[in-house]
N, C-alpha and C. Protein backbone atom coordinates (compact mmCIF):
# COMPACT_ATOMS: atom_id res chain seq x y z
N MET A 1 -5.31 -12.43 -32.79
CA MET A 1 -3.92 -12.01 -32.98
C MET A 1 -3.43 -12.47 -34.35
N ALA A 2 -3.82 -13.68 -34.75
CA ALA A 2 -3.37 -14.18 -36.05
C ALA A 2 -3.90 -13.31 -37.18
N ALA A 3 -5.15 -12.88 -37.06
CA ALA A 3 -5.73 -12.02 -38.09
C ALA A 3 -5.02 -10.67 -38.12
N MET A 4 -4.70 -10.15 -36.96
CA MET A 4 -4.00 -8.87 -36.89
C MET A 4 -2.60 -9.02 -37.49
N ALA A 5 -1.94 -10.15 -37.19
CA ALA A 5 -0.61 -10.40 -37.74
C ALA A 5 -0.65 -10.54 -39.26
N ALA A 6 -1.80 -11.03 -39.76
CA ALA A 6 -1.95 -11.19 -41.20
C ALA A 6 -2.30 -9.88 -41.90
N GLY A 7 -2.49 -8.82 -41.11
CA GLY A 7 -2.75 -7.51 -41.69
C GLY A 7 -4.21 -7.19 -41.91
N GLU A 8 -5.11 -7.91 -41.28
CA GLU A 8 -6.54 -7.64 -41.44
C GLU A 8 -6.92 -6.41 -40.62
N ALA A 9 -7.35 -5.37 -41.32
CA ALA A 9 -7.67 -4.10 -40.67
C ALA A 9 -8.79 -4.24 -39.65
N GLU A 10 -9.82 -5.03 -39.97
CA GLU A 10 -10.95 -5.20 -39.04
C GLU A 10 -10.48 -5.81 -37.73
N ALA A 11 -9.57 -6.75 -37.80
CA ALA A 11 -9.05 -7.38 -36.59
C ALA A 11 -8.29 -6.37 -35.74
N THR A 12 -7.54 -5.51 -36.38
CA THR A 12 -6.79 -4.49 -35.65
C THR A 12 -7.73 -3.50 -34.98
N VAL A 13 -8.76 -3.08 -35.69
CA VAL A 13 -9.75 -2.15 -35.12
C VAL A 13 -10.44 -2.81 -33.92
N ALA A 14 -10.83 -4.07 -34.06
CA ALA A 14 -11.49 -4.78 -32.96
C ALA A 14 -10.55 -4.92 -31.76
N PHE A 15 -9.29 -5.20 -32.03
CA PHE A 15 -8.29 -5.33 -30.97
C PHE A 15 -8.16 -4.03 -30.18
N VAL A 16 -8.04 -2.92 -30.89
CA VAL A 16 -7.88 -1.61 -30.23
C VAL A 16 -9.14 -1.29 -29.43
N ARG A 17 -10.31 -1.49 -30.02
CA ARG A 17 -11.56 -1.18 -29.30
C ARG A 17 -11.72 -2.03 -28.05
N ARG A 18 -11.29 -3.27 -28.13
CA ARG A 18 -11.45 -4.18 -27.00
C ARG A 18 -10.57 -3.77 -25.81
N PHE A 19 -9.35 -3.32 -26.10
CA PHE A 19 -8.39 -3.07 -25.03
C PHE A 19 -8.08 -1.60 -24.76
N GLN A 20 -8.64 -0.67 -25.52
CA GLN A 20 -8.22 0.73 -25.40
C GLN A 20 -8.45 1.31 -24.01
N ALA A 21 -9.54 0.98 -23.36
CA ALA A 21 -9.80 1.55 -22.03
C ALA A 21 -8.79 1.05 -21.00
N ARG A 22 -8.49 -0.25 -21.04
CA ARG A 22 -7.54 -0.79 -20.07
C ARG A 22 -6.13 -0.28 -20.32
N VAL A 23 -5.74 -0.20 -21.58
CA VAL A 23 -4.39 0.27 -21.92
C VAL A 23 -4.24 1.73 -21.50
N TYR A 24 -5.21 2.56 -21.85
CA TYR A 24 -5.13 3.97 -21.47
C TYR A 24 -5.18 4.12 -19.96
N GLY A 25 -6.04 3.37 -19.30
CA GLY A 25 -6.16 3.44 -17.84
C GLY A 25 -4.85 3.10 -17.15
N LEU A 26 -4.18 2.04 -17.60
CA LEU A 26 -2.89 1.68 -17.02
C LEU A 26 -1.86 2.78 -17.30
N ALA A 27 -1.84 3.27 -18.53
CA ALA A 27 -0.87 4.30 -18.89
C ALA A 27 -1.05 5.55 -18.06
N VAL A 28 -2.29 6.01 -17.88
CA VAL A 28 -2.52 7.23 -17.11
C VAL A 28 -2.22 7.00 -15.63
N SER A 29 -2.46 5.79 -15.13
CA SER A 29 -2.15 5.53 -13.72
C SER A 29 -0.64 5.50 -13.47
N VAL A 30 0.13 5.12 -14.46
CA VAL A 30 1.58 5.08 -14.30
C VAL A 30 2.20 6.45 -14.52
N VAL A 31 1.83 7.13 -15.60
CA VAL A 31 2.50 8.39 -15.92
C VAL A 31 1.83 9.60 -15.27
N GLY A 32 0.54 9.49 -14.91
CA GLY A 32 -0.14 10.57 -14.23
C GLY A 32 -0.47 11.78 -15.09
N ASP A 33 -0.29 11.67 -16.40
CA ASP A 33 -0.54 12.78 -17.31
C ASP A 33 -1.37 12.25 -18.48
N PRO A 34 -2.62 12.73 -18.65
CA PRO A 34 -3.48 12.20 -19.71
C PRO A 34 -2.88 12.32 -21.11
N GLY A 35 -2.22 13.41 -21.40
CA GLY A 35 -1.61 13.59 -22.72
C GLY A 35 -0.50 12.58 -22.98
N LEU A 36 0.37 12.42 -22.01
CA LEU A 36 1.45 11.45 -22.14
C LEU A 36 0.89 10.04 -22.17
N ALA A 37 -0.17 9.79 -21.41
CA ALA A 37 -0.80 8.47 -21.39
C ALA A 37 -1.36 8.11 -22.77
N GLU A 38 -1.91 9.10 -23.48
CA GLU A 38 -2.41 8.85 -24.83
C GLU A 38 -1.27 8.41 -25.75
N GLU A 39 -0.13 9.09 -25.63
CA GLU A 39 1.03 8.71 -26.45
C GLU A 39 1.51 7.30 -26.11
N VAL A 40 1.57 6.99 -24.83
CA VAL A 40 2.00 5.66 -24.39
C VAL A 40 1.03 4.61 -24.93
N ALA A 41 -0.27 4.86 -24.81
CA ALA A 41 -1.27 3.91 -25.29
C ALA A 41 -1.14 3.69 -26.79
N GLN A 42 -0.96 4.77 -27.52
CA GLN A 42 -0.80 4.65 -28.97
C GLN A 42 0.46 3.84 -29.31
N ASP A 43 1.55 4.13 -28.63
CA ASP A 43 2.78 3.39 -28.87
C ASP A 43 2.61 1.90 -28.53
N ALA A 44 1.85 1.62 -27.48
CA ALA A 44 1.62 0.23 -27.09
C ALA A 44 0.86 -0.52 -28.18
N PHE A 45 -0.17 0.11 -28.74
CA PHE A 45 -0.93 -0.55 -29.80
C PHE A 45 -0.10 -0.71 -31.08
N VAL A 46 0.73 0.28 -31.38
CA VAL A 46 1.60 0.16 -32.56
C VAL A 46 2.59 -0.99 -32.35
N ARG A 47 3.16 -1.07 -31.16
CA ARG A 47 4.12 -2.14 -30.88
C ARG A 47 3.43 -3.51 -30.95
N ALA A 48 2.22 -3.61 -30.39
CA ALA A 48 1.47 -4.87 -30.44
C ALA A 48 1.15 -5.24 -31.89
N TRP A 49 0.79 -4.27 -32.69
CA TRP A 49 0.48 -4.53 -34.09
C TRP A 49 1.73 -5.02 -34.84
N ARG A 50 2.85 -4.35 -34.58
CA ARG A 50 4.10 -4.75 -35.25
C ARG A 50 4.57 -6.14 -34.85
N HIS A 51 4.32 -6.50 -33.60
CA HIS A 51 4.82 -7.78 -33.07
C HIS A 51 3.73 -8.81 -32.88
N ALA A 52 2.59 -8.62 -33.52
CA ALA A 52 1.47 -9.56 -33.37
C ALA A 52 1.86 -10.98 -33.76
N ALA A 53 2.69 -11.12 -34.75
CA ALA A 53 3.10 -12.46 -35.20
C ALA A 53 3.96 -13.16 -34.16
N ARG A 54 4.61 -12.40 -33.28
CA ARG A 54 5.47 -12.99 -32.25
C ARG A 54 4.70 -13.41 -31.00
N TYR A 55 3.45 -12.99 -30.88
CA TYR A 55 2.66 -13.34 -29.69
C TYR A 55 2.54 -14.86 -29.60
N ASP A 56 2.83 -15.39 -28.40
CA ASP A 56 2.75 -16.82 -28.15
C ASP A 56 1.72 -17.07 -27.06
N PRO A 57 0.56 -17.64 -27.40
CA PRO A 57 -0.49 -17.84 -26.40
C PRO A 57 -0.08 -18.78 -25.26
N ARG A 58 0.95 -19.56 -25.45
CA ARG A 58 1.41 -20.46 -24.38
C ARG A 58 2.08 -19.68 -23.26
N ARG A 59 2.51 -18.47 -23.53
CA ARG A 59 3.22 -17.67 -22.52
C ARG A 59 2.31 -16.75 -21.73
N GLY A 60 1.04 -16.66 -22.10
CA GLY A 60 0.12 -15.81 -21.35
C GLY A 60 -1.01 -15.30 -22.22
N ARG A 61 -1.95 -14.63 -21.55
CA ARG A 61 -3.11 -14.08 -22.25
C ARG A 61 -2.71 -12.83 -23.04
N VAL A 62 -3.51 -12.53 -24.05
CA VAL A 62 -3.27 -11.36 -24.89
C VAL A 62 -3.29 -10.09 -24.04
N ALA A 63 -4.27 -10.01 -23.13
CA ALA A 63 -4.38 -8.81 -22.29
C ALA A 63 -3.13 -8.61 -21.45
N SER A 64 -2.61 -9.68 -20.88
CA SER A 64 -1.40 -9.58 -20.06
C SER A 64 -0.22 -9.12 -20.91
N TRP A 65 -0.11 -9.68 -22.09
CA TRP A 65 0.97 -9.32 -23.02
C TRP A 65 0.89 -7.84 -23.37
N LEU A 66 -0.30 -7.38 -23.73
CA LEU A 66 -0.49 -5.99 -24.12
C LEU A 66 -0.28 -5.04 -22.95
N LEU A 67 -0.76 -5.40 -21.78
CA LEU A 67 -0.59 -4.53 -20.61
C LEU A 67 0.87 -4.49 -20.15
N THR A 68 1.60 -5.56 -20.36
CA THR A 68 3.04 -5.55 -20.05
C THR A 68 3.77 -4.59 -20.99
N ILE A 69 3.40 -4.63 -22.26
CA ILE A 69 3.98 -3.69 -23.23
C ILE A 69 3.67 -2.26 -22.79
N THR A 70 2.42 -2.03 -22.40
CA THR A 70 2.00 -0.69 -21.98
C THR A 70 2.77 -0.23 -20.76
N ARG A 71 2.86 -1.09 -19.76
CA ARG A 71 3.58 -0.74 -18.54
C ARG A 71 5.03 -0.41 -18.83
N ASN A 72 5.68 -1.23 -19.65
CA ASN A 72 7.09 -0.98 -19.98
C ASN A 72 7.26 0.36 -20.70
N LEU A 73 6.37 0.65 -21.63
CA LEU A 73 6.46 1.94 -22.34
C LEU A 73 6.18 3.10 -21.39
N ALA A 74 5.24 2.93 -20.46
CA ALA A 74 4.93 4.00 -19.51
C ALA A 74 6.11 4.26 -18.58
N VAL A 75 6.74 3.21 -18.10
CA VAL A 75 7.92 3.38 -17.24
C VAL A 75 9.05 4.04 -18.02
N ASP A 76 9.22 3.64 -19.28
CA ASP A 76 10.23 4.29 -20.12
C ASP A 76 9.92 5.78 -20.30
N ALA A 77 8.65 6.10 -20.48
CA ALA A 77 8.26 7.50 -20.64
C ALA A 77 8.57 8.28 -19.37
N LEU A 78 8.36 7.66 -18.22
CA LEU A 78 8.70 8.32 -16.96
C LEU A 78 10.20 8.53 -16.83
N ARG A 79 10.96 7.56 -17.27
CA ARG A 79 12.42 7.70 -17.20
C ARG A 79 12.89 8.87 -18.05
N LEU A 80 12.23 9.08 -19.16
CA LEU A 80 12.61 10.20 -20.04
C LEU A 80 12.20 11.53 -19.45
N ARG A 81 11.20 11.53 -18.57
CA ARG A 81 10.72 12.76 -17.94
C ARG A 81 11.31 12.90 -16.54
N ARG A 82 12.58 12.97 -16.43
CA ARG A 82 13.25 13.03 -15.14
C ARG A 82 13.01 14.35 -14.41
N ASP A 83 12.46 15.36 -15.12
CA ASP A 83 12.26 16.65 -14.48
C ASP A 83 11.14 16.62 -13.45
N GLN A 84 10.25 15.63 -13.50
CA GLN A 84 9.17 15.52 -12.54
C GLN A 84 9.28 14.18 -11.81
N PRO A 85 9.81 14.18 -10.58
CA PRO A 85 9.95 12.93 -9.85
C PRO A 85 8.59 12.29 -9.59
N VAL A 86 8.56 10.97 -9.61
CA VAL A 86 7.33 10.21 -9.39
C VAL A 86 7.53 9.30 -8.19
N ASP A 87 6.59 9.33 -7.28
CA ASP A 87 6.63 8.46 -6.12
C ASP A 87 6.28 7.05 -6.55
N PRO A 88 7.18 6.07 -6.39
CA PRO A 88 6.89 4.72 -6.86
C PRO A 88 5.73 4.07 -6.14
N ALA A 89 5.37 4.55 -4.96
CA ALA A 89 4.23 3.98 -4.25
C ALA A 89 2.93 4.25 -5.00
N ARG A 90 2.91 5.29 -5.85
CA ARG A 90 1.73 5.60 -6.67
C ARG A 90 1.58 4.65 -7.83
N LEU A 91 2.67 4.07 -8.28
CA LEU A 91 2.65 3.25 -9.48
C LEU A 91 2.13 1.84 -9.19
N PRO A 92 1.31 1.30 -10.08
CA PRO A 92 0.83 -0.07 -9.84
C PRO A 92 1.91 -1.08 -10.17
N CYS A 93 1.97 -2.14 -9.43
CA CYS A 93 2.91 -3.22 -9.75
C CYS A 93 2.39 -3.97 -10.96
N PRO A 94 3.27 -4.43 -11.84
CA PRO A 94 2.82 -5.22 -12.98
C PRO A 94 2.29 -6.57 -12.51
N PRO A 95 1.45 -7.22 -13.35
CA PRO A 95 0.84 -8.50 -12.95
C PRO A 95 1.87 -9.56 -12.55
N ALA A 96 2.96 -9.64 -13.26
CA ALA A 96 3.95 -10.67 -12.94
C ALA A 96 4.52 -10.46 -11.54
N ALA A 97 4.75 -9.21 -11.16
CA ALA A 97 5.28 -8.94 -9.82
C ALA A 97 4.24 -9.25 -8.77
N ARG A 98 2.95 -8.96 -9.06
CA ARG A 98 1.89 -9.27 -8.11
C ARG A 98 1.84 -10.76 -7.84
N GLU A 99 1.94 -11.55 -8.91
CA GLU A 99 1.89 -13.00 -8.73
C GLU A 99 3.10 -13.47 -7.92
N ALA A 100 4.26 -12.92 -8.19
CA ALA A 100 5.47 -13.35 -7.49
C ALA A 100 5.45 -12.93 -6.03
N LEU A 101 4.89 -11.78 -5.74
CA LEU A 101 4.90 -11.27 -4.38
C LEU A 101 3.70 -11.71 -3.55
N GLY A 102 2.66 -12.17 -4.22
CA GLY A 102 1.42 -12.46 -3.50
C GLY A 102 0.62 -11.18 -3.42
N GLU A 103 0.33 -10.73 -2.28
CA GLU A 103 -0.48 -9.54 -2.08
C GLU A 103 0.39 -8.29 -2.04
N VAL A 104 0.26 -7.45 -3.07
CA VAL A 104 1.10 -6.26 -3.21
C VAL A 104 0.86 -5.26 -2.08
N GLU A 105 -0.37 -5.11 -1.68
CA GLU A 105 -0.65 -4.17 -0.61
C GLU A 105 0.04 -4.57 0.69
N ARG A 106 0.12 -5.86 0.95
CA ARG A 106 0.81 -6.34 2.14
C ARG A 106 2.27 -5.92 2.09
N VAL A 107 2.88 -6.06 0.92
CA VAL A 107 4.29 -5.68 0.75
C VAL A 107 4.45 -4.18 0.93
N ARG A 108 3.54 -3.42 0.33
CA ARG A 108 3.63 -1.96 0.48
C ARG A 108 3.44 -1.56 1.93
N ASP A 109 2.52 -2.24 2.63
CA ASP A 109 2.33 -1.95 4.05
C ASP A 109 3.60 -2.25 4.83
N GLU A 110 4.24 -3.37 4.52
CA GLU A 110 5.49 -3.71 5.21
C GLU A 110 6.56 -2.68 4.91
N LEU A 111 6.60 -2.19 3.67
CA LEU A 111 7.61 -1.20 3.30
C LEU A 111 7.37 0.14 3.97
N ARG A 112 6.14 0.39 4.40
CA ARG A 112 5.83 1.67 5.05
C ARG A 112 6.52 1.82 6.40
N VAL A 113 6.96 0.71 6.99
CA VAL A 113 7.66 0.81 8.28
C VAL A 113 9.10 1.31 8.07
N LEU A 114 9.56 1.26 6.84
CA LEU A 114 10.93 1.70 6.53
C LEU A 114 10.93 3.17 6.14
N PRO A 115 12.04 3.85 6.37
CA PRO A 115 12.16 5.21 5.83
C PRO A 115 12.16 5.15 4.30
N ALA A 116 11.72 6.23 3.67
CA ALA A 116 11.60 6.28 2.21
C ALA A 116 12.92 5.93 1.51
N GLU A 117 14.04 6.34 2.09
CA GLU A 117 15.32 6.06 1.43
C GLU A 117 15.62 4.56 1.36
N LEU A 118 15.03 3.75 2.25
CA LEU A 118 15.22 2.30 2.21
C LEU A 118 14.11 1.61 1.44
N SER A 119 12.88 2.12 1.53
CA SER A 119 11.77 1.44 0.86
C SER A 119 11.74 1.70 -0.64
N ARG A 120 12.13 2.90 -1.06
CA ARG A 120 12.07 3.26 -2.48
C ARG A 120 12.90 2.32 -3.36
N PRO A 121 14.17 2.06 -3.06
CA PRO A 121 14.92 1.18 -3.95
C PRO A 121 14.39 -0.26 -3.95
N ILE A 122 13.83 -0.72 -2.82
CA ILE A 122 13.26 -2.06 -2.78
C ILE A 122 12.03 -2.12 -3.67
N LEU A 123 11.16 -1.13 -3.57
CA LEU A 123 9.95 -1.09 -4.38
C LEU A 123 10.29 -1.00 -5.87
N LEU A 124 11.23 -0.15 -6.22
CA LEU A 124 11.63 -0.03 -7.62
C LEU A 124 12.22 -1.33 -8.16
N SER A 125 12.95 -2.01 -7.31
CA SER A 125 13.59 -3.25 -7.72
C SER A 125 12.58 -4.39 -7.86
N VAL A 126 11.77 -4.58 -6.83
CA VAL A 126 10.86 -5.72 -6.80
C VAL A 126 9.68 -5.53 -7.74
N CYS A 127 9.01 -4.40 -7.67
CA CYS A 127 7.80 -4.18 -8.45
C CYS A 127 8.07 -3.79 -9.91
N TYR A 128 9.15 -3.08 -10.14
CA TYR A 128 9.37 -2.56 -11.48
C TYR A 128 10.57 -3.17 -12.18
N GLY A 129 11.23 -4.08 -11.50
CA GLY A 129 12.32 -4.82 -12.12
C GLY A 129 13.56 -4.00 -12.44
N LEU A 130 13.71 -2.85 -11.79
CA LEU A 130 14.89 -2.04 -12.04
C LEU A 130 16.10 -2.64 -11.33
N THR A 131 17.24 -2.57 -11.95
CA THR A 131 18.46 -3.03 -11.32
C THR A 131 18.97 -1.94 -10.39
N ALA A 132 19.90 -2.29 -9.54
CA ALA A 132 20.49 -1.30 -8.63
C ALA A 132 21.15 -0.17 -9.45
N ALA A 133 21.77 -0.53 -10.55
CA ALA A 133 22.42 0.48 -11.40
C ALA A 133 21.38 1.44 -12.00
N GLU A 134 20.23 0.91 -12.42
CA GLU A 134 19.18 1.76 -12.98
C GLU A 134 18.60 2.68 -11.90
N ILE A 135 18.43 2.15 -10.70
CA ILE A 135 17.92 2.96 -9.60
C ILE A 135 18.92 4.07 -9.26
N ALA A 136 20.19 3.71 -9.24
CA ALA A 136 21.24 4.70 -8.95
C ALA A 136 21.22 5.82 -9.99
N ALA A 137 21.12 5.46 -11.25
CA ALA A 137 21.08 6.47 -12.31
C ALA A 137 19.83 7.32 -12.21
N ARG A 138 18.71 6.68 -11.93
CA ARG A 138 17.43 7.39 -11.84
C ARG A 138 17.42 8.38 -10.68
N ASP A 139 17.98 7.97 -9.53
CA ASP A 139 17.94 8.81 -8.33
C ASP A 139 19.19 9.66 -8.16
N GLY A 140 20.17 9.51 -9.05
CA GLY A 140 21.39 10.30 -8.94
C GLY A 140 22.23 9.94 -7.73
N LEU A 141 22.28 8.64 -7.41
CA LEU A 141 23.03 8.16 -6.25
C LEU A 141 24.15 7.23 -6.70
N PRO A 142 25.17 7.06 -5.88
CA PRO A 142 26.21 6.08 -6.20
C PRO A 142 25.61 4.66 -6.13
N LEU A 143 26.10 3.79 -6.99
CA LEU A 143 25.61 2.41 -7.04
C LEU A 143 25.74 1.72 -5.68
N GLY A 144 26.86 1.90 -5.01
CA GLY A 144 27.06 1.28 -3.71
C GLY A 144 26.03 1.72 -2.68
N THR A 145 25.64 2.98 -2.75
CA THR A 145 24.63 3.50 -1.82
C THR A 145 23.29 2.80 -2.04
N VAL A 146 22.91 2.63 -3.30
CA VAL A 146 21.64 1.96 -3.60
C VAL A 146 21.68 0.51 -3.13
N LYS A 147 22.78 -0.18 -3.40
CA LYS A 147 22.90 -1.58 -2.96
C LYS A 147 22.83 -1.68 -1.45
N THR A 148 23.49 -0.77 -0.76
CA THR A 148 23.46 -0.77 0.70
C THR A 148 22.06 -0.52 1.22
N ARG A 149 21.35 0.42 0.61
CA ARG A 149 19.99 0.72 1.05
C ARG A 149 19.06 -0.47 0.85
N ILE A 150 19.22 -1.17 -0.26
CA ILE A 150 18.40 -2.36 -0.50
C ILE A 150 18.72 -3.42 0.56
N ARG A 151 19.99 -3.66 0.78
CA ARG A 151 20.41 -4.66 1.75
C ARG A 151 19.92 -4.31 3.16
N ARG A 152 20.10 -3.06 3.56
CA ARG A 152 19.66 -2.62 4.90
C ARG A 152 18.14 -2.70 5.03
N GLY A 153 17.44 -2.29 3.98
CA GLY A 153 15.98 -2.33 4.03
C GLY A 153 15.46 -3.75 4.16
N LEU A 154 16.02 -4.66 3.40
CA LEU A 154 15.59 -6.07 3.49
C LEU A 154 15.93 -6.66 4.86
N ALA A 155 17.09 -6.30 5.38
CA ALA A 155 17.46 -6.79 6.71
C ALA A 155 16.50 -6.26 7.75
N ARG A 156 16.13 -5.01 7.64
CA ARG A 156 15.20 -4.42 8.60
C ARG A 156 13.81 -5.06 8.51
N LEU A 157 13.39 -5.37 7.28
CA LEU A 157 12.10 -6.04 7.09
C LEU A 157 12.14 -7.43 7.74
N ARG A 158 13.26 -8.13 7.60
CA ARG A 158 13.39 -9.44 8.23
C ARG A 158 13.32 -9.31 9.76
N GLN A 159 13.95 -8.26 10.29
CA GLN A 159 13.92 -8.02 11.73
C GLN A 159 12.49 -7.76 12.22
N GLU A 160 11.76 -6.96 11.45
CA GLU A 160 10.37 -6.62 11.81
C GLU A 160 9.48 -7.85 11.78
N ALA A 161 9.78 -8.81 10.89
CA ALA A 161 8.95 -10.00 10.74
C ALA A 161 9.17 -10.99 11.87
N VAL A 162 10.31 -10.94 12.54
CA VAL A 162 10.59 -11.87 13.64
C VAL A 162 9.84 -11.39 14.87
N PRO A 163 9.04 -12.32 15.51
CA PRO A 163 8.25 -11.89 16.68
C PRO A 163 9.10 -11.62 17.89
C-alpha cells in the first residue's frame, strides 16, 4: 500500500492483479450485472489508489478495506438503478456485519419466518447499514411505516425465540 501511495506503477499493477477476481466477484454478486460489476470494480480500484495513503493497517486487512469499498460502491450503484428492484436476500452481508451477527445464514433463516414486509427492512438495516429513512426512500414508504415494520419484525423474532 505504501508503494502504491507513493505512485509506483508496478505496485498498483500488482495490487489490481492480486485482488481483481475477488473485487469483481463481490461486485457481480451484489449488482447481478456483469457490465455494471466491471464499472464498480474499476471505481473501487480507482478509489483505493486515490486513498492508498489513508489506509491504516491497524484498522484491518487490505482485502477487507478494499472489499468494503467495493461493497459500498456496489450498493450505491444499486441505489442509482431503482428501476430494477433487488431482493436483499440475494445480496451478501459485508464482513463487518457477519462478525457482528455471528452466522449470517442463521439470521436469514430466522428472518424467513417473517413476512417479506417485516424481514426486508430488518435485513437492509442490519446487513447493509441502511437507516430507516434510507429504507423508506428506497422502498417508497413513509418513514413511520418502515420503523413500525422493523419494530414489529424484531418483536416477532423475539417471540419466536422464546420456547
